């Protein structure tokens, strides 16, 4: 009988999954990965095997309308494909672990209660992460679950990097800079010694550029600072989130425009960023293909903010040895990488145009003082490894 570990990454309209299998007496290995997207509207399911061959693709219909029904549909597919195997554990991406959860943890009712208290700090993600945990517990109450946090990798930063300069009594209530995308950054740090050994122990900025976008300044593979702060609204311009804005703008929305808290939250999380600037799309691919002036302006602003923040984090590190691009835009858009690298030329970065078009892994020239890289991220693998380790499963170094 084969054993399995399931990894889930649940969002508001999607449920991503990965399956890792351990044959009897063997080591863990990836078996399949995919997602259910369009939950609540036009749900679609697709999956690929370990060699990236498509093994499932179908429309699911109106029955899949929430986390519970999406998990039921996924469970049916898993049973059909892996029937007879045992699920030894389920690992989850949970965006916010607050100040308390500095490492992955086994889920208990007490843990869930504390994680629910953090929902206001990550309303776009946390409720759906926790709903998936609840759904698994209802369906398979005997299967242990592990929560892996996007904030954990950033714990241990210098005090000045975590500080929010507000009154102490406010800070004592958990108001600090947390940082996110930590599972992605942890994975990049884990593979840099193999992929880019010359910079792995040095000063590196990793650019996680996707619909959600951030930068992390690392020294020796440890987080020193991040463009994200108290919530996932800070820092870079994103697909539907604004990134850093003057807090006075938010006061103006309340005091002068009379908007409600719900309206402001909805605007900041779902109606800002690339979508708001362009009026066309929140998808970088659409914007790069568009001739609309505001679409070009949105791309210009995305590049401008990324380059500006790279300069700031280079100062925080007191120098820079490497720049790494990852995530959807970072891994796939040669144009965005080119523009960010050209804007960062003052740091000693010289782009190799052909290597960049080929997506690396190294995209800087041989003579460039600052090296630049493209390294695909794999948050699911980090979750699988943490889940295996915490549950005491042997042979848990998934590859």
Protein backbone atom coordinates (compact mmCIF):
# COMPACT_ATOMS: atom_id res chain seq x y z
CA UNK A 1 0.00 0.00 0.00
CA UNK A 2 1.35 3.41 -0.98
CA UNK A 3 1.34 6.34 1.43
CA UNK A 4 0.53 9.93 0.43
CA UNK A 5 0.92 13.46 1.69
CA UNK A 6 -1.49 16.04 0.28
CA UNK A 7 -0.60 19.73 0.01
CA UNK A 8 -3.38 22.32 -0.30
CA UNK A 9 -3.22 26.04 -1.10
CA UNK A 10 -6.75 27.42 -0.92
CA UNK A 11 -7.79 30.83 -2.18
CA UNK A 12 -11.07 32.67 -2.62
CA UNK A 13 -11.75 31.14 -6.04
CA UNK A 14 -9.17 28.38 -6.38
CA UNK A 15 -7.88 25.28 -4.65
CA UNK A 16 -4.35 24.29 -5.64
CA UNK A 17 -3.04 20.88 -4.66
CA UNK A 18 -0.01 18.61 -4.88
CA UNK A 19 0.25 14.91 -4.11
CA UNK A 20 3.44 13.29 -2.84
CA UNK A 21 3.69 9.51 -2.72
CA UNK A 22 5.95 7.13 -0.80
CA UNK A 23 6.07 3.58 -2.11
CA UNK A 24 6.62 0.97 0.57
CA UNK A 25 10.18 1.32 1.77
CA UNK A 26 10.89 4.26 -0.56
CA UNK A 27 11.25 8.04 -0.38
CA UNK A 28 8.65 10.69 -1.05
CA UNK A 29 8.26 11.79 -4.64
CA UNK A 30 5.84 14.19 -6.39
CA UNK A 31 2.97 12.45 -8.16
CA UNK A 32 0.61 15.13 -9.38
CA UNK A 33 -0.34 18.76 -8.99
CA UNK A 34 -3.17 20.94 -10.23
CA UNK A 35 -6.04 23.12 -9.17
CA UNK A 36 -9.73 23.76 -9.15
CA UNK A 37 -10.22 27.34 -10.33
CA UNK A 38 -13.28 29.49 -10.85
CA UNK A 39 -14.93 28.23 -7.66
CA UNK A 40 -18.38 29.75 -7.34
CA UNK A 41 -18.53 30.94 -10.95
CA UNK A 42 -17.33 28.53 -13.64
CA UNK A 43 -15.30 25.87 -11.80
CA UNK A 44 -12.69 23.99 -13.81
CA UNK A 45 -10.36 21.19 -12.76
CA UNK A 46 -7.02 20.27 -14.24
CA UNK A 47 -4.04 18.24 -13.10
CA UNK A 48 -0.59 17.23 -14.33
CA UNK A 49 1.64 14.35 -13.37
CA UNK A 50 5.25 14.58 -12.23
CA UNK A 51 6.44 14.91 -15.84
CA UNK A 52 3.99 17.81 -16.45
CA UNK A 53 1.74 15.74 -18.72
CA UNK A 54 -1.93 16.69 -18.42
CA UNK A 55 -3.84 13.88 -16.69
CA UNK A 56 -7.17 15.60 -16.05
CA UNK A 57 -9.08 18.57 -17.43
CA UNK A 58 -12.80 19.15 -17.03
CA UNK A 59 -15.54 21.65 -16.21
CA UNK A 60 -17.13 20.87 -12.85
CA UNK A 61 -20.49 22.63 -12.97
CA UNK A 62 -22.46 24.59 -10.41
CA UNK A 63 -22.09 22.02 -7.64
CA UNK A 64 -18.60 23.33 -6.79
CA UNK A 65 -19.41 26.63 -5.09
CA UNK A 66 -17.18 26.81 -1.99
CA UNK A 67 -14.17 25.28 -0.22
CA UNK A 68 -16.16 22.31 1.05
CA UNK A 69 -17.59 21.32 -2.33
CA UNK A 70 -14.24 21.93 -4.06
CA UNK A 71 -12.53 19.61 -1.59
CA UNK A 72 -15.25 16.99 -2.09
CA UNK A 73 -14.64 17.10 -5.84
CA UNK A 74 -10.87 16.84 -5.37
CA UNK A 75 -11.33 13.96 -2.92
CA UNK A 76 -13.38 12.05 -5.49
CA UNK A 77 -10.64 12.47 -8.08
CA UNK A 78 -7.92 11.44 -5.63
CA UNK A 79 -9.89 8.34 -4.65
CA UNK A 80 -10.35 7.34 -8.29
CA UNK A 81 -6.67 7.85 -9.10
CA UNK A 82 -4.99 6.74 -5.87
CA UNK A 83 -7.62 4.41 -4.38
CA UNK A 84 -6.23 2.07 -1.76
CA UNK A 85 -3.50 4.44 -0.63
CA UNK A 86 -3.32 6.13 2.77
CA UNK A 87 -3.19 9.89 3.29
CA UNK A 88 -0.79 10.29 6.20
CA UNK A 89 -1.08 14.05 6.46
CA UNK A 90 -2.29 17.25 4.80
CA UNK A 91 -0.14 20.37 4.65
CA UNK A 92 -1.66 23.80 4.10
CA UNK A 93 -0.38 27.20 3.09
CA UNK A 94 -1.64 29.71 5.65
CA UNK A 95 -0.78 33.28 4.81
CA UNK A 96 -0.64 34.83 8.28
CA UNK A 97 0.89 33.29 11.37
CA UNK A 98 1.19 36.53 13.30
CA UNK A 99 3.95 37.04 15.83
CA UNK A 100 3.21 33.77 17.63
CA UNK A 101 3.71 31.18 14.88
CA UNK A 102 7.35 31.39 13.90
CA UNK A 103 7.44 27.95 12.27
CA UNK A 104 5.03 25.41 10.75
CA UNK A 105 2.77 23.80 13.33
CA UNK A 106 0.40 20.85 13.69
CA UNK A 107 -3.20 22.06 13.60
CA UNK A 108 -5.25 21.83 16.80
CA UNK A 109 -8.51 23.54 17.81
CA UNK A 110 -6.46 26.03 19.83
CA UNK A 111 -4.23 26.81 16.86
CA UNK A 112 -7.29 27.35 14.66
CA UNK A 113 -8.79 29.76 17.19
CA UNK A 114 -5.65 31.88 17.17
CA UNK A 115 -5.41 31.80 13.38
CA UNK A 116 -9.00 33.01 13.07
CA UNK A 117 -8.03 36.08 15.09
CA UNK A 118 -5.62 37.00 12.27
CA UNK A 119 -8.29 37.05 9.53
CA UNK A 120 -8.55 40.89 9.59
CA UNK A 121 -4.82 41.07 8.75
CA UNK A 122 -5.18 38.92 5.62
CA UNK A 123 -8.85 39.01 4.57
CA UNK A 124 -8.06 38.09 0.97
CA UNK A 125 -6.38 34.80 1.97
CA UNK A 126 -6.73 33.70 5.61
CA UNK A 127 -10.47 32.81 5.61
CA UNK A 128 -10.02 30.49 2.63
CA UNK A 129 -6.83 28.90 3.99
CA UNK A 130 -8.69 28.06 7.20
CA UNK A 131 -11.84 26.92 5.38
CA UNK A 132 -9.77 24.23 3.64
CA UNK A 133 -8.46 23.01 7.00
CA UNK A 134 -12.02 22.86 8.34
CA UNK A 135 -13.19 20.97 5.25
CA UNK A 136 -10.46 18.34 5.60
CA UNK A 137 -11.19 17.95 9.32
CA UNK A 138 -14.87 17.37 8.61
CA UNK A 139 -14.19 14.79 5.91
CA UNK A 140 -11.16 13.05 7.43
CA UNK A 141 -11.08 13.88 11.16
CA UNK A 142 -8.34 11.35 11.85
CA UNK A 143 -5.82 12.76 9.35
CA UNK A 144 -3.29 15.15 10.94
CA UNK A 145 -2.90 18.57 9.34
CA UNK A 146 0.01 21.02 9.30
CA UNK A 147 -0.22 24.80 8.83
CA UNK A 148 2.76 26.36 7.05
CA UNK A 149 2.92 30.15 7.26
CA UNK A 150 3.97 32.75 4.73
CA UNK A 151 5.16 34.93 7.61
CA UNK A 152 7.44 32.45 9.39
CA UNK A 153 10.50 32.85 7.16
CA UNK A 154 10.73 36.53 8.08
CA UNK A 155 10.78 36.07 11.83
CA UNK A 156 14.17 36.88 13.30
CA UNK A 157 14.67 40.02 11.23
CA UNK A 158 16.42 42.97 12.93
CA UNK A 159 14.10 44.88 15.26
CA UNK A 160 14.22 47.98 13.05
CA UNK A 161 12.95 45.96 10.08
CA UNK A 162 9.88 44.76 12.02
CA UNK A 163 9.03 48.07 13.66
CA UNK A 164 5.89 50.07 12.88
CA UNK A 165 6.49 53.57 14.38
CA UNK A 166 3.19 53.91 16.24
CA UNK A 167 2.58 54.23 20.02
CA UNK A 168 3.79 51.34 22.11
CA UNK A 169 0.34 50.33 23.32
CA UNK A 170 -0.72 49.91 19.68
CA UNK A 171 2.41 47.92 18.82
CA UNK A 172 1.77 45.65 21.82
CA UNK A 173 -1.42 44.50 20.10
CA UNK A 174 0.58 42.86 17.31
CA UNK A 175 1.08 45.84 15.01
CA UNK A 176 4.44 45.18 13.38
CA UNK A 177 5.90 44.41 9.97
CA UNK A 178 5.47 40.69 9.25
CA UNK A 179 6.41 40.07 5.60
CA UNK A 180 4.78 37.43 3.39
CA UNK A 181 5.56 35.01 0.51
CA UNK A 182 7.82 33.33 3.04
CA UNK A 183 7.33 29.78 1.73
CA UNK A 184 8.48 30.94 -1.70
CA UNK A 185 11.51 32.72 -0.27
CA UNK A 186 12.37 29.74 1.91
CA UNK A 187 12.36 27.49 -1.14
CA UNK A 188 14.59 29.87 -3.13
CA UNK A 189 17.01 30.08 -0.20
CA UNK A 190 17.10 26.26 -0.01
CA UNK A 191 18.04 25.78 -3.69
CA UNK A 192 20.41 28.73 -4.18
CA UNK A 193 23.44 26.76 -2.94
CA UNK A 194 22.86 24.34 -5.83
CA UNK A 195 21.59 26.71 -8.55
CA UNK A 196 23.55 29.88 -7.75
CA UNK A 197 26.29 28.91 -5.26
CA UNK A 198 28.31 32.09 -5.82
CA UNK A 199 25.62 34.24 -4.21
CA UNK A 200 23.91 31.79 -1.82
CA UNK A 201 25.81 32.99 1.25
CA UNK A 202 25.85 36.64 0.17
CA UNK A 203 23.51 39.61 -0.03
CA UNK A 204 20.59 38.73 -2.30
CA UNK A 205 17.27 40.32 -3.18
CA UNK A 206 14.61 37.85 -4.32
CA UNK A 207 11.78 39.31 -6.41
CA UNK A 208 8.59 37.26 -6.06
CA UNK A 209 6.62 38.88 -8.88
CA UNK A 210 3.12 37.65 -9.59
CA UNK A 211 -0.43 38.84 -9.04
CA UNK A 212 0.84 39.32 -5.50
CA UNK A 213 4.34 40.80 -5.59
CA UNK A 214 7.06 41.45 -3.06
CA UNK A 215 10.81 41.56 -2.53
CA UNK A 216 12.89 39.95 0.19
CA UNK A 217 16.39 41.02 1.20
CA UNK A 218 18.45 38.01 2.31
CA UNK A 219 21.85 37.65 3.90
CA UNK A 220 23.20 34.12 3.95
CA UNK A 221 19.78 32.74 3.04
CA UNK A 222 18.04 34.47 5.98
CA UNK A 223 15.43 37.21 5.68
CA UNK A 224 16.71 40.64 6.67
CA UNK A 225 13.85 42.78 5.34
CA UNK A 226 10.87 42.62 2.99
CA UNK A 227 8.75 45.02 0.97
CA UNK A 228 5.61 43.65 2.65
CA UNK A 229 4.71 44.98 6.08
CA UNK A 230 1.81 44.59 8.52
CA UNK A 231 -0.48 43.25 5.79
CA UNK A 232 -0.12 42.05 2.21
CA UNK A 233 -1.12 45.51 0.94
CA UNK A 234 2.29 47.12 1.39
CA UNK A 235 5.30 47.48 -0.88
CA UNK A 236 5.12 46.83 -4.62
CA UNK A 237 2.20 47.53 -6.93
CA UNK A 238 0.27 44.27 -7.45
CA UNK A 239 -2.52 42.92 -9.62
CA UNK A 240 -5.37 44.38 -7.58
CA UNK A 241 -3.52 45.76 -4.52
CA UNK A 242 -1.86 49.21 -4.49
CA UNK A 243 1.32 48.51 -2.57
CA UNK A 244 2.70 51.34 -0.46
CA UNK A 245 0.49 54.44 -0.35
CA UNK A 246 0.41 57.51 1.92
CA UNK A 247 -1.74 56.62 4.97
CA UNK A 248 -3.30 60.03 4.53
CA UNK A 249 -4.98 58.72 1.39
CA UNK A 250 -6.88 56.18 3.50
CA UNK A 251 -7.89 58.91 5.97
CA UNK A 252 -9.15 60.98 3.03
CA UNK A 253 -11.26 58.06 1.79
CA UNK A 254 -12.92 57.86 5.20
CA UNK A 255 -13.11 61.49 6.26
CA UNK A 256 -13.68 63.40 3.02
CA UNK A 257 -15.23 60.86 0.67
CA UNK A 258 -17.26 59.16 3.38
CA UNK A 259 -16.46 55.61 2.29
CA UNK A 260 -17.22 52.74 4.65
CA UNK A 261 -14.56 50.45 6.07
CA UNK A 262 -15.87 47.61 3.90
CA UNK A 263 -15.74 49.78 0.76
CA UNK A 264 -12.16 50.83 1.50
CA UNK A 265 -11.09 47.25 2.21
CA UNK A 266 -12.70 46.11 -1.03
CA UNK A 267 -10.94 48.88 -2.96
CA UNK A 268 -7.51 48.20 -1.47
CA UNK A 269 -7.62 44.43 -1.91
CA UNK A 270 -9.62 43.98 -5.11
CA UNK A 271 -9.86 47.19 -7.14
CA UNK A 272 -6.44 48.84 -6.99
CA UNK A 273 -2.97 48.13 -8.43
CA UNK A 274 -2.50 47.21 -12.08
CA UNK A 275 -6.25 46.86 -12.57
CA UNK A 276 -6.96 50.37 -11.31
CA UNK A 277 -4.16 52.05 -13.25
CA UNK A 278 -4.83 50.31 -16.53
CA UNK A 279 -8.61 50.00 -16.47
CA UNK A 280 -7.90 46.94 -18.63
CA UNK A 281 -6.70 43.99 -16.57
CA UNK A 282 -4.82 42.87 -13.49
CA UNK A 283 -2.89 40.36 -15.63
CA UNK A 284 0.58 41.47 -16.71
CA UNK A 285 0.30 39.42 -19.92
CA UNK A 286 -2.77 41.39 -20.99
CA UNK A 287 -1.09 44.69 -20.17
CA UNK A 288 2.07 43.88 -22.13
CA UNK A 289 -0.07 42.94 -25.15
CA UNK A 290 -2.23 46.07 -24.94
CA UNK A 291 -1.75 49.32 -26.88
CA UNK A 292 -3.83 51.29 -24.37
CA UNK A 293 -1.80 54.18 -22.85
CA UNK A 294 -3.03 53.35 -19.34
CA UNK A 295 -1.97 49.72 -19.77
CA UNK A 296 1.54 50.93 -20.62
CA UNK A 297 1.43 53.26 -17.62
CA UNK A 298 0.53 50.33 -15.35
CA UNK A 299 3.54 48.34 -16.57
CA UNK A 300 5.77 51.40 -16.20
CA UNK A 301 4.60 51.88 -12.61
CA UNK A 302 5.09 48.20 -11.75
CA UNK A 303 8.69 48.35 -13.00
CA UNK A 304 9.31 51.73 -11.35
CA UNK A 305 8.17 50.53 -7.93
CA UNK A 306 10.14 47.28 -8.19
CA UNK A 307 13.35 49.07 -9.17
CA UNK A 308 12.85 51.70 -6.47
CA UNK A 309 12.33 49.08 -3.78
CA UNK A 310 15.36 47.07 -4.99
CA UNK A 311 17.45 50.18 -4.39
CA UNK A 312 16.02 50.59 -0.90
CA UNK A 313 16.65 46.96 0.08
CA UNK A 314 20.16 47.10 -1.40
CA UNK A 315 20.80 49.97 1.01
CA UNK A 316 19.38 47.93 3.90
CA UNK A 317 21.81 45.12 3.01
CA UNK A 318 24.67 47.64 2.60
CA UNK A 319 25.38 46.26 -0.84
CA UNK A 320 24.15 43.56 -3.17
CA UNK A 321 25.62 40.40 -4.71
CA UNK A 322 22.63 38.89 -6.51
CA UNK A 323 19.09 39.48 -7.76
CA UNK A 324 16.72 36.53 -8.20
CA UNK A 325 13.40 36.60 -10.09
CA UNK A 326 10.68 34.09 -9.27
CA UNK A 327 6.87 33.49 -9.38
CA UNK A 328 4.53 33.97 -12.36
CA UNK A 329 5.79 37.27 -13.77
CA UNK A 330 9.33 36.86 -12.49
CA UNK A 331 9.76 33.43 -14.05
CA UNK A 332 7.95 34.02 -17.34
CA UNK A 333 8.14 37.67 -18.40
CA UNK A 334 11.47 38.40 -20.07
CA UNK A 335 10.22 41.92 -20.83
CA UNK A 336 9.50 42.83 -17.21
CA UNK A 337 12.82 41.32 -16.10
CA UNK A 338 14.66 43.27 -18.80
CA UNK A 339 13.14 46.55 -17.73
CA UNK A 340 13.80 45.99 -14.03
CA UNK A 341 17.39 44.93 -14.72
CA UNK A 342 18.01 47.98 -16.91
CA UNK A 343 16.60 50.23 -14.19
CA UNK A 344 18.99 48.51 -11.74
CA UNK A 345 22.08 48.91 -13.92
CA UNK A 346 23.48 51.49 -11.48
CA UNK A 347 23.99 48.63 -9.02
CA UNK A 348 26.44 47.01 -11.44
CA UNK A 349 23.92 44.76 -13.21
CA UNK A 350 24.52 44.02 -16.89
CA UNK A 351 21.83 41.90 -18.54
CA UNK A 352 22.56 39.07 -20.98
CA UNK A 353 19.69 39.61 -23.44
CA UNK A 354 19.76 36.11 -24.91
CA UNK A 355 19.94 34.38 -21.54
CA UNK A 356 17.03 36.49 -20.37
CA UNK A 357 14.93 35.50 -23.38
CA UNK A 358 15.76 31.87 -22.57
CA UNK A 359 14.65 32.38 -18.94
CA UNK A 360 18.06 31.72 -17.42
CA UNK A 361 18.84 30.42 -14.91
CA UNK A 362 21.58 33.11 -15.00
CA UNK A 363 20.49 36.16 -16.99
CA UNK A 364 23.35 38.56 -16.26
CA UNK A 365 26.47 38.80 -18.40
CA UNK A 366 29.68 37.05 -17.43
CA UNK A 367 31.29 40.40 -16.60
CA UNK A 368 28.38 41.78 -14.57
CA UNK A 369 29.40 42.76 -11.05
CA UNK A 370 25.89 41.95 -9.81
CA UNK A 371 24.52 38.62 -11.00
CA UNK A 372 20.84 38.10 -11.85
CA UNK A 373 18.95 34.81 -11.92
CA UNK A 374 15.62 33.20 -12.70
CA UNK A 375 14.76 30.42 -10.24
CA UNK A 376 11.28 28.83 -10.31
CA UNK A 377 9.67 28.68 -6.90
CA UNK A 378 7.94 25.67 -5.37
CA UNK A 379 5.96 26.54 -2.25
CA UNK A 380 4.18 23.17 -2.33
CA UNK A 381 7.46 21.30 -1.96
CA UNK A 382 8.35 23.34 1.12
CA UNK A 383 4.92 22.56 2.62
CA UNK A 384 5.38 18.84 1.87
CA UNK A 385 8.78 18.81 3.55
CA UNK A 386 7.52 20.65 6.63
CA UNK A 387 4.49 18.36 6.87
CA UNK A 388 6.60 15.23 6.67
CA UNK A 389 9.07 16.50 9.24
CA UNK A 390 6.44 17.58 11.78
CA UNK A 391 4.48 14.36 11.45
CA UNK A 392 7.61 12.23 11.87
CA UNK A 393 7.36 10.63 8.46
CA UNK A 394 10.60 9.10 7.25
CA UNK A 395 12.15 9.83 3.88
CA UNK A 396 10.38 13.19 3.70
CA UNK A 397 12.83 15.13 1.57
CA UNK A 398 10.56 15.47 -1.46
CA UNK A 399 12.29 16.35 -4.72
